[in-house]
């Protein structure tokens, strides 16, 4: 989902959760990693970690930066970091504990 940052930065970022089963996210720059328990996304507002059970990618619109995830959503977290390199290491270590 790599795109030109200048076009993505103009997208609004929003998160919509319906009955803890369907998650719609806009302003997604890139999907870093995902499996049935975790999603790691880069959004226009920073990195986001979604945790749950039986998670699956339902819809991916790379031009608009929209992602739809279904499953049992347990948590949605934004990752705040000082440097990108340290953040990637710490995100992955926390994500795969």
PDB file of N, CA and C in Angstrom:
ATOM      1  N   UNK A   1       0.814  -1.191   0.000  1.00  0.00           N
ATOM      2  CA  UNK A   1       0.000   0.000   0.000  1.00  0.00           C
ATOM      3  C   UNK A   1       0.852   1.246   0.000  1.00  0.00           C
ATOM      4  N   UNK A   2       2.049   1.195  -0.538  1.00  0.00           N
ATOM      5  CA  UNK A   2       2.898   2.377  -0.589  1.00  0.00           C
ATOM      6  C   UNK A   2       2.344   3.369  -1.584  1.00  0.00           C
ATOM      7  N   UNK A   3       2.302   4.621  -1.171  1.00  0.00           N
ATOM      8  CA  UNK A   3       1.842   5.687  -2.044  1.00  0.00           C
ATOM      9  C   UNK A   3       2.639   6.933  -1.761  1.00  0.00           C
ATOM     10  N   UNK A   4       2.487   7.911  -2.624  1.00  0.00           N
ATOM     11  CA  UNK A   4       3.132   9.196  -2.438  1.00  0.00           C
ATOM     12  C   UNK A   4       2.576   9.860  -1.183  1.00  0.00           C
ATOM     13  N   UNK A   5       3.454  10.224  -0.236  1.00  0.00           N
ATOM     14  CA  UNK A   5       3.013  10.793   1.041  1.00  0.00           C
ATOM     15  C   UNK A   5       2.238  12.084   0.878  1.00  0.00           C
ATOM     16  N   UNK A   6       2.548  12.895  -0.139  1.00  0.00           N
ATOM     17  CA  UNK A   6       1.861  14.165  -0.305  1.00  0.00           C
ATOM     18  C   UNK A   6       0.381  13.967  -0.594  1.00  0.00           C
ATOM     19  N   UNK A   7       0.027  12.939  -1.358  1.00  0.00           N
ATOM     20  CA  UNK A   7      -1.387  12.696  -1.648  1.00  0.00           C
ATOM     21  C   UNK A   7      -2.101  12.066  -0.455  1.00  0.00           C
ATOM     22  N   UNK A   8      -1.424  11.213   0.297  1.00  0.00           N
ATOM     23  CA  UNK A   8      -2.037  10.550   1.442  1.00  0.00           C
ATOM     24  C   UNK A   8      -2.266  11.522   2.587  1.00  0.00           C
ATOM     25  N   UNK A   9      -1.354  12.464   2.788  1.00  0.00           N
ATOM     26  CA  UNK A   9      -1.476  13.398   3.898  1.00  0.00           C
ATOM     27  C   UNK A   9      -2.733  14.249   3.813  1.00  0.00           C
ATOM     28  N   UNK A  10      -3.312  14.375   2.625  1.00  0.00           N
ATOM     29  CA  UNK A  10      -4.528  15.161   2.487  1.00  0.00           C
ATOM     30  C   UNK A  10      -5.774  14.377   2.902  1.00  0.00           C
ATOM     31  N   UNK A  11      -5.636  13.056   3.096  1.00  0.00           N
ATOM     32  CA  UNK A  11      -6.774  12.240   3.500  1.00  0.00           C
ATOM     33  C   UNK A  11      -7.088  12.446   4.977  1.00  0.00           C
ATOM     34  N   UNK A  12      -8.365  12.442   5.282  1.00  0.00           N
ATOM     35  CA  UNK A  12      -8.785  12.490   6.675  1.00  0.00           C
ATOM     36  C   UNK A  12      -8.646  11.101   7.271  1.00  0.00           C
ATOM     37  N   UNK A  13      -8.394  11.070   8.563  1.00  0.00           N
ATOM     38  CA  UNK A  13      -8.274   9.794   9.268  1.00  0.00           C
ATOM     39  C   UNK A  13      -9.481   9.631  10.173  1.00  0.00           C
ATOM     40  N   UNK A  14     -10.136   8.484  10.058  1.00  0.00           N
ATOM     41  CA  UNK A  14     -11.251   8.195  10.950  1.00  0.00           C
ATOM     42  C   UNK A  14     -11.283   6.698  11.233  1.00  0.00           C
ATOM     43  N   UNK A  15     -11.899   6.367  12.367  1.00  0.00           N
ATOM     44  CA  UNK A  15     -12.045   4.978  12.784  1.00  0.00           C
ATOM     45  C   UNK A  15     -13.505   4.779  13.166  1.00  0.00           C
ATOM     46  N   UNK A  16     -14.130   3.767  12.580  1.00  0.00           N
ATOM     47  CA  UNK A  16     -15.524   3.455  12.871  1.00  0.00           C
ATOM     48  C   UNK A  16     -15.615   1.984  13.265  1.00  0.00           C
ATOM     49  N   UNK A  17     -16.119   1.731  14.460  1.00  0.00           N
ATOM     50  CA  UNK A  17     -16.253   0.373  14.973  1.00  0.00           C
ATOM     51  C   UNK A  17     -17.729   0.061  15.174  1.00  0.00           C
ATOM     52  N   UNK A  18     -18.200  -1.005  14.516  1.00  0.00           N
ATOM     53  CA  UNK A  18     -19.594  -1.405  14.611  1.00  0.00           C
ATOM     54  C   UNK A  18     -19.695  -2.715  15.373  1.00  0.00           C
ATOM     55  N   UNK A  19     -20.308  -2.666  16.547  1.00  0.00           N
ATOM     56  CA  UNK A  19     -20.565  -3.835  17.393  1.00  0.00           C
ATOM     57  C   UNK A  19     -19.324  -4.679  17.667  1.00  0.00           C
ATOM     58  N   UNK A  20     -18.167  -4.052  17.731  1.00  0.00           N
ATOM     59  CA  UNK A  20     -16.874  -4.707  17.975  1.00  0.00           C
ATOM     60  C   UNK A  20     -16.584  -5.825  16.974  1.00  0.00           C
ATOM     61  N   UNK A  21     -17.235  -5.780  15.814  1.00  0.00           N
ATOM     62  CA  UNK A  21     -17.050  -6.835  14.822  1.00  0.00           C
ATOM     63  C   UNK A  21     -16.558  -6.312  13.480  1.00  0.00           C
ATOM     64  N   UNK A  22     -16.877  -5.080  13.152  1.00  0.00           N
ATOM     65  CA  UNK A  22     -16.482  -4.506  11.871  1.00  0.00           C
ATOM     66  C   UNK A  22     -15.792  -3.174  12.126  1.00  0.00           C
ATOM     67  N   UNK A  23     -14.561  -3.057  11.642  1.00  0.00           N
ATOM     68  CA  UNK A  23     -13.757  -1.858  11.842  1.00  0.00           C
ATOM     69  C   UNK A  23     -13.451  -1.251  10.479  1.00  0.00           C
ATOM     70  N   UNK A  24     -13.829   0.016  10.288  1.00  0.00           N
ATOM     71  CA  UNK A  24     -13.549   0.729   9.054  1.00  0.00           C
ATOM     72  C   UNK A  24     -12.602   1.870   9.382  1.00  0.00           C
ATOM     73  N   UNK A  25     -11.454   1.909   8.709  1.00  0.00           N
ATOM     74  CA  UNK A  25     -10.424   2.916   8.971  1.00  0.00           C
ATOM     75  C   UNK A  25     -10.131   3.661   7.674  1.00  0.00           C
ATOM     76  N   UNK A  26     -10.110   4.977   7.740  1.00  0.00           N
ATOM     77  CA  UNK A  26      -9.715   5.787   6.586  1.00  0.00           C
ATOM     78  C   UNK A  26      -8.388   6.469   6.897  1.00  0.00           C
ATOM     79  N   UNK A  27      -7.715   6.938   5.872  1.00  0.00           N
ATOM     80  CA  UNK A  27      -6.430   7.604   6.050  1.00  0.00           C
ATOM     81  C   UNK A  27      -5.290   6.623   6.277  1.00  0.00           C
ATOM     82  N   UNK A  28      -5.415   5.413   5.747  1.00  0.00           N
ATOM     83  CA  UNK A  28      -4.378   4.392   5.908  1.00  0.00           C
ATOM     84  C   UNK A  28      -3.342   4.561   4.800  1.00  0.00           C
ATOM     85  N   UNK A  29      -2.091   4.713   5.210  1.00  0.00           N
ATOM     86  CA  UNK A  29      -0.985   4.828   4.252  1.00  0.00           C
ATOM     87  C   UNK A  29      -0.476   3.456   3.829  1.00  0.00           C
ATOM     88  N   UNK A  30      -0.364   2.558   4.818  1.00  0.00           N
ATOM     89  CA  UNK A  30       0.305   1.288   4.557  1.00  0.00           C
ATOM     90  C   UNK A  30      -0.114   0.258   5.596  1.00  0.00           C
ATOM     91  N   UNK A  31      -0.276  -0.985   5.157  1.00  0.00           N
ATOM     92  CA  UNK A  31      -0.463  -2.097   6.081  1.00  0.00           C
ATOM     93  C   UNK A  31       0.911  -2.716   6.273  1.00  0.00           C
ATOM     94  N   UNK A  32       1.458  -2.578   7.478  1.00  0.00           N
ATOM     95  CA  UNK A  32       2.798  -3.078   7.770  1.00  0.00           C
ATOM     96  C   UNK A  32       2.808  -4.603   7.912  1.00  0.00           C
ATOM     97  N   UNK A  33       1.828  -5.124   8.652  1.00  0.00           N
ATOM     98  CA  UNK A  33       1.809  -6.547   8.950  1.00  0.00           C
ATOM     99  C   UNK A  33       0.414  -6.903   9.456  1.00  0.00           C
ATOM    100  N   UNK A  34      -0.012  -8.142   9.215  1.00  0.00           N
ATOM    101  CA  UNK A  34      -1.277  -8.582   9.804  1.00  0.00           C
ATOM    102  C   UNK A  34      -1.368 -10.098   9.818  1.00  0.00           C
ATOM    103  N   UNK A  35      -2.144 -10.585  10.771  1.00  0.00           N
ATOM    104  CA  UNK A  35      -2.522 -11.990  10.843  1.00  0.00           C
ATOM    105  C   UNK A  35      -3.897 -12.041  11.494  1.00  0.00           C
ATOM    106  N   UNK A  36      -4.338 -13.211  11.939  1.00  0.00           N
ATOM    107  CA  UNK A  36      -5.692 -13.310  12.483  1.00  0.00           C
ATOM    108  C   UNK A  36      -5.825 -12.756  13.908  1.00  0.00           C
ATOM    109  N   UNK A  37      -4.706 -12.330  14.528  1.00  0.00           N
ATOM    110  CA  UNK A  37      -4.747 -11.766  15.883  1.00  0.00           C
ATOM    111  C   UNK A  37      -4.341 -10.290  15.954  1.00  0.00           C
ATOM    112  N   UNK A  38      -3.562  -9.796  14.968  1.00  0.00           N
ATOM    113  CA  UNK A  38      -3.014  -8.436  15.013  1.00  0.00           C
ATOM    114  C   UNK A  38      -3.013  -7.792  13.634  1.00  0.00           C
ATOM    115  N   UNK A  39      -3.184  -6.485  13.619  1.00  0.00           N
ATOM    116  CA  UNK A  39      -2.954  -5.681  12.414  1.00  0.00           C
ATOM    117  C   UNK A  39      -2.063  -4.521  12.822  1.00  0.00           C
ATOM    118  N   UNK A  40      -1.056  -4.220  12.031  1.00  0.00           N
ATOM    119  CA  UNK A  40      -0.196  -3.063  12.239  1.00  0.00           C
ATOM    120  C   UNK A  40      -0.325  -2.194  11.004  1.00  0.00           C
ATOM    121  N   UNK A  41      -0.896  -0.986  11.185  1.00  0.00           N
ATOM    122  CA  UNK A  41      -1.162  -0.071  10.080  1.00  0.00           C
ATOM    123  C   UNK A  41      -0.413   1.230  10.277  1.00  0.00           C
ATOM    124  N   UNK A  42       0.011   1.836   9.184  1.00  0.00           N
ATOM    125  CA  UNK A  42       0.526   3.198   9.228  1.00  0.00           C
ATOM    126  C   UNK A  42      -0.573   4.093   8.678  1.00  0.00           C
ATOM    127  N   UNK A  43      -1.032   5.029   9.511  1.00  0.00           N
ATOM    128  CA  UNK A  43      -2.095   5.946   9.104  1.00  0.00           C
ATOM    129  C   UNK A  43      -1.529   7.363   9.023  1.00  0.00           C
ATOM    130  N   UNK A  44      -2.346   8.273   8.562  1.00  0.00           N
ATOM    131  CA  UNK A  44      -1.919   9.669   8.487  1.00  0.00           C
ATOM    132  C   UNK A  44      -1.732  10.277   9.869  1.00  0.00           C
ATOM    133  N   UNK A  45      -2.234   9.618  10.905  1.00  0.00           N
ATOM    134  CA  UNK A  45      -2.093  10.106  12.279  1.00  0.00           C
ATOM    135  C   UNK A  45      -1.109   9.268  13.090  1.00  0.00           C
ATOM    136  N   UNK A  46      -0.341   8.400  12.458  1.00  0.00           N
ATOM    137  CA  UNK A  46       0.638   7.573  13.146  1.00  0.00           C
ATOM    138  C   UNK A  46       0.335   6.093  12.996  1.00  0.00           C
ATOM    139  N   UNK A  47       1.187   5.284  13.606  1.00  0.00           N
ATOM    140  CA  UNK A  47       1.010   3.837  13.548  1.00  0.00           C
ATOM    141  C   UNK A  47      -0.118   3.399  14.478  1.00  0.00           C
ATOM    142  N   UNK A  48      -0.845   2.390  14.041  1.00  0.00           N
ATOM    143  CA  UNK A  48      -1.992   1.886  14.785  1.00  0.00           C
ATOM    144  C   UNK A  48      -1.871   0.365  14.892  1.00  0.00           C
ATOM    145  N   UNK A  49      -2.132  -0.149  16.089  1.00  0.00           N
ATOM    146  CA  UNK A  49      -2.146  -1.592  16.311  1.00  0.00           C
ATOM    147  C   UNK A  49      -3.564  -2.006  16.685  1.00  0.00           C
ATOM    148  N   UNK A  50      -4.081  -2.978  15.960  1.00  0.00           N
ATOM    149  CA  UNK A  50      -5.404  -3.527  16.240  1.00  0.00           C
ATOM    150  C   UNK A  50      -5.204  -4.966  16.689  1.00  0.00           C
ATOM    151  N   UNK A  51      -5.786  -5.316  17.831  1.00  0.00           N
ATOM    152  CA  UNK A  51      -5.697  -6.686  18.347  1.00  0.00           C
ATOM    153  C   UNK A  51      -7.091  -7.265  18.466  1.00  0.00           C
ATOM    154  N   UNK A  52      -7.181  -8.571  18.238  1.00  0.00           N
ATOM    155  CA  UNK A  52      -8.468  -9.234  18.344  1.00  0.00           C
ATOM    156  C   UNK A  52      -8.334 -10.709  18.051  1.00  0.00           C
ATOM    157  N   UNK A  53      -9.439 -11.311  17.670  1.00  0.00           N
ATOM    158  CA  UNK A  53      -9.486 -12.733  17.353  1.00  0.00           C
ATOM    159  C   UNK A  53     -10.204 -12.913  16.019  1.00  0.00           C
ATOM    160  N   UNK A  54      -9.725 -13.863  15.234  1.00  0.00           N
ATOM    161  CA  UNK A  54     -10.296 -14.170  13.932  1.00  0.00           C
ATOM    162  C   UNK A  54     -10.403 -12.931  13.044  1.00  0.00           C
ATOM    163  N   UNK A  55      -9.372 -12.078  13.075  1.00  0.00           N
ATOM    164  CA  UNK A  55      -9.373 -10.865  12.268  1.00  0.00           C
ATOM    165  C   UNK A  55      -9.086 -11.210  10.813  1.00  0.00           C
ATOM    166  N   UNK A  56      -9.795 -10.539   9.918  1.00  0.00           N
ATOM    167  CA  UNK A  56      -9.540 -10.723   8.504  1.00  0.00           C
ATOM    168  C   UNK A  56      -9.764  -9.413   7.758  1.00  0.00           C
ATOM    169  N   UNK A  57      -8.950  -9.216   6.740  1.00  0.00           N
ATOM    170  CA  UNK A  57      -9.033  -8.035   5.888  1.00  0.00           C
ATOM    171  C   UNK A  57     -10.167  -8.250   4.902  1.00  0.00           C
ATOM    172  N   UNK A  58     -11.198  -7.422   4.995  1.00  0.00           N
ATOM    173  CA  UNK A  58     -12.376  -7.576   4.144  1.00  0.00           C
ATOM    174  C   UNK A  58     -12.276  -6.676   2.918  1.00  0.00           C
ATOM    175  N   UNK A  59     -11.870  -5.430   3.119  1.00  0.00           N
ATOM    176  CA  UNK A  59     -11.821  -4.479   2.014  1.00  0.00           C
ATOM    177  C   UNK A  59     -10.548  -3.650   2.121  1.00  0.00           C
ATOM    178  N   UNK A  60      -9.900  -3.450   0.982  1.00  0.00           N
ATOM    179  CA  UNK A  60      -8.697  -2.638   0.908  1.00  0.00           C
ATOM    180  C   UNK A  60      -8.811  -1.734  -0.309  1.00  0.00           C
ATOM    181  N   UNK A  61      -8.878  -0.434  -0.077  1.00  0.00           N
ATOM    182  CA  UNK A  61      -8.919   0.547  -1.157  1.00  0.00           C
ATOM    183  C   UNK A  61      -7.635   1.363  -1.074  1.00  0.00           C
ATOM    184  N   UNK A  62      -6.648   1.000  -1.882  1.00  0.00           N
ATOM    185  CA  UNK A  62      -5.331   1.645  -1.799  1.00  0.00           C
ATOM    186  C   UNK A  62      -5.360   3.084  -2.302  1.00  0.00           C
ATOM    187  N   UNK A  63      -6.236   3.405  -3.224  1.00  0.00           N
ATOM    188  CA  UNK A  63      -6.288   4.775  -3.743  1.00  0.00           C
ATOM    189  C   UNK A  63      -6.864   5.743  -2.720  1.00  0.00           C
ATOM    190  N   UNK A  64      -7.899   5.331  -2.025  1.00  0.00           N
ATOM    191  CA  UNK A  64      -8.535   6.205  -1.037  1.00  0.00           C
ATOM    192  C   UNK A  64      -7.954   6.033   0.358  1.00  0.00           C
ATOM    193  N   UNK A  65      -7.199   4.954   0.588  1.00  0.00           N
ATOM    194  CA  UNK A  65      -6.628   4.709   1.908  1.00  0.00           C
ATOM    195  C   UNK A  65      -7.625   4.162   2.905  1.00  0.00           C
ATOM    196  N   UNK A  66      -8.565   3.357   2.437  1.00  0.00           N
ATOM    197  CA  UNK A  66      -9.598   2.786   3.304  1.00  0.00           C
ATOM    198  C   UNK A  66      -9.360   1.300   3.526  1.00  0.00           C
ATOM    199  N   UNK A  67      -9.582   0.861   4.769  1.00  0.00           N
ATOM    200  CA  UNK A  67      -9.414  -0.543   5.131  1.00  0.00           C
ATOM    201  C   UNK A  67     -10.620  -0.957   5.972  1.00  0.00           C
ATOM    202  N   UNK A  68     -11.140  -2.156   5.701  1.00  0.00           N
ATOM    203  CA  UNK A  68     -12.206  -2.732   6.518  1.00  0.00           C
ATOM    204  C   UNK A  68     -11.719  -4.069   7.064  1.00  0.00           C
ATOM    205  N   UNK A  69     -11.844  -4.228   8.384  1.00  0.00           N
ATOM    206  CA  UNK A  69     -11.400  -5.434   9.076  1.00  0.00           C
ATOM    207  C   UNK A  69     -12.601  -6.018   9.819  1.00  0.00           C
ATOM    208  N   UNK A  70     -12.773  -7.336   9.715  1.00  0.00           N
ATOM    209  CA  UNK A  70     -13.838  -8.019  10.457  1.00  0.00           C
ATOM    210  C   UNK A  70     -13.227  -9.008  11.424  1.00  0.00           C
ATOM    211  N   UNK A  71     -13.928  -9.253  12.504  1.00  0.00           N
ATOM    212  CA  UNK A  71     -13.497 -10.188  13.528  1.00  0.00           C
ATOM    213  C   UNK A  71     -13.913  -9.663  14.884  1.00  0.00           C
ATOM    214  N   UNK A  72     -13.397 -10.254  15.929  1.00  0.00           N
ATOM    215  CA  UNK A  72     -13.672  -9.794  17.291  1.00  0.00           C
ATOM    216  C   UNK A  72     -12.576  -8.807  17.697  1.00  0.00           C
ATOM    217  N   UNK A  73     -12.894  -7.513  17.695  1.00  0.00           N
ATOM    218  CA  UNK A  73     -11.917  -6.454  17.985  1.00  0.00           C
ATOM    219  C   UNK A  73     -11.780  -6.305  19.499  1.00  0.00           C
ATOM    220  N   UNK A  74     -10.549  -6.474  20.009  1.00  0.00           N
ATOM    221  CA  UNK A  74     -10.296  -6.321  21.444  1.00  0.00           C
ATOM    222  C   UNK A  74      -9.655  -4.990  21.799  1.00  0.00           C
ATOM    223  N   UNK A  75      -8.785  -4.465  20.931  1.00  0.00           N
ATOM    224  CA  UNK A  75      -8.151  -3.187  21.244  1.00  0.00           C
ATOM    225  C   UNK A  75      -7.679  -2.482  19.974  1.00  0.00           C
ATOM    226  N   UNK A  76      -7.650  -1.149  20.075  1.00  0.00           N
ATOM    227  CA  UNK A  76      -7.125  -0.284  19.020  1.00  0.00           C
ATOM    228  C   UNK A  76      -6.192   0.696  19.717  1.00  0.00           C
ATOM    229  N   UNK A  77      -4.922   0.700  19.318  1.00  0.00           N
ATOM    230  CA  UNK A  77      -3.932   1.563  19.964  1.00  0.00           C
ATOM    231  C   UNK A  77      -3.130   2.330  18.929  1.00  0.00           C
ATOM    232  N   UNK A  78      -2.816   3.584  19.259  1.00  0.00           N
ATOM    233  CA  UNK A  78      -1.874   4.365  18.471  1.00  0.00           C
ATOM    234  C   UNK A  78      -0.525   4.290  19.159  1.00  0.00           C
ATOM    235  N   UNK A  79       0.532   4.233  18.369  1.00  0.00           N
ATOM    236  CA  UNK A  79       1.877   4.111  18.904  1.00  0.00           C
ATOM    237  C   UNK A  79       2.558   5.464  18.778  1.00  0.00           C
ATOM    238  N   UNK A  80       2.955   6.037  19.919  1.00  0.00           N
ATOM    239  CA  UNK A  80       3.674   7.308  19.937  1.00  0.00           C
ATOM    240  C   UNK A  80       5.146   7.033  20.162  1.00  0.00           C
ATOM    241  N   UNK A  81       6.001   7.561  19.275  1.00  0.00           N
ATOM    242  CA  UNK A  81       7.434   7.318  19.389  1.00  0.00           C
ATOM    243  C   UNK A  81       8.214   8.564  19.008  1.00  0.00           C
ATOM    244  N   UNK A  82       9.503   8.586  19.423  1.00  0.00           N
ATOM    245  CA  UNK A  82      10.379   9.699  19.098  1.00  0.00           C
ATOM    246  C   UNK A  82      11.100   9.501  17.780  1.00  0.00           C
ATOM    247  N   UNK A  83      11.602   8.304  17.530  1.00  0.00           N
ATOM    248  CA  UNK A  83      12.317   8.054  16.284  1.00  0.00           C
ATOM    249  C   UNK A  83      11.708   6.861  15.574  1.00  0.00           C
ATOM    250  N   UNK A  84      11.734   6.901  14.257  1.00  0.00           N
ATOM    251  CA  UNK A  84      11.085   5.860  13.474  1.00  0.00           C
ATOM    252  C   UNK A  84      11.742   4.498  13.680  1.00  0.00           C
ATOM    253  N   UNK A  85      13.064   4.448  13.712  1.00  0.00           N
ATOM    254  CA  UNK A  85      13.746   3.163  13.867  1.00  0.00           C
ATOM    255  C   UNK A  85      13.411   2.518  15.201  1.00  0.00           C
ATOM    256  N   UNK A  86      13.488   3.293  16.274  1.00  0.00           N
ATOM    257  CA  UNK A  86      13.157   2.755  17.593  1.00  0.00           C
ATOM    258  C   UNK A  86      11.696   2.357  17.670  1.00  0.00           C
ATOM    259  N   UNK A  87      10.840   3.123  16.985  1.00  0.00           N
ATOM    260  CA  UNK A  87       9.414   2.818  17.039  1.00  0.00           C
ATOM    261  C   UNK A  87       9.104   1.507  16.345  1.00  0.00           C
ATOM    262  N   UNK A  88       9.748   1.251  15.210  1.00  0.00           N
ATOM    263  CA  UNK A  88       9.488   0.002  14.508  1.00  0.00           C
ATOM    264  C   UNK A  88       9.928  -1.195  15.342  1.00  0.00           C
ATOM    265  N   UNK A  89      11.091  -1.090  15.983  1.00  0.00           N
ATOM    266  CA  UNK A  89      11.563  -2.182  16.822  1.00  0.00           C
ATOM    267  C   UNK A  89      10.632  -2.402  18.005  1.00  0.00           C
ATOM    268  N   UNK A  90      10.237  -1.318  18.673  1.00  0.00           N
ATOM    269  CA  UNK A  90       9.393  -1.465  19.848  1.00  0.00           C
ATOM    270  C   UNK A  90       7.982  -1.919  19.468  1.00  0.00           C
ATOM    271  N   UNK A  91       7.463  -1.459  18.325  1.00  0.00           N
ATOM    272  CA  UNK A  91       6.136  -1.885  17.893  1.00  0.00           C
ATOM    273  C   UNK A  91       6.113  -3.381  17.651  1.00  0.00           C
ATOM    274  N   UNK A  92       7.120  -3.871  16.940  1.00  0.00           N
ATOM    275  CA  UNK A  92       7.138  -5.294  16.641  1.00  0.00           C
ATOM    276  C   UNK A  92       7.356  -6.124  17.892  1.00  0.00           C
ATOM    277  N   UNK A  93       8.184  -5.636  18.811  1.00  0.00           N
ATOM    278  CA  UNK A  93       8.402  -6.404  20.038  1.00  0.00           C
ATOM    279  C   UNK A  93       7.138  -6.441  20.881  1.00  0.00           C
ATOM    280  N   UNK A  94       6.385  -5.334  20.949  1.00  0.00           N
ATOM    281  CA  UNK A  94       5.143  -5.318  21.697  1.00  0.00           C
ATOM    282  C   UNK A  94       4.043  -6.098  20.994  1.00  0.00           C
ATOM    283  N   UNK A  95       4.062  -6.029  19.681  1.00  0.00           N
ATOM    284  CA  UNK A  95       3.008  -6.686  18.910  1.00  0.00           C
ATOM    285  C   UNK A  95       3.089  -8.197  18.999  1.00  0.00           C
ATOM    286  N   UNK A  96       4.304  -8.731  19.021  1.00  0.00           N
ATOM    287  CA  UNK A  96       4.473 -10.179  18.987  1.00  0.00           C
ATOM    288  C   UNK A  96       4.987 -10.751  20.299  1.00  0.00           C
ATOM    289  N   UNK A  97       4.556 -10.183  21.429  1.00  0.00           N
ATOM    290  CA  UNK A  97       4.926 -10.718  22.744  1.00  0.00           C
ATOM    291  C   UNK A  97       4.288 -12.050  22.957  1.00  0.00           C
TER     292      UNK A  97
END
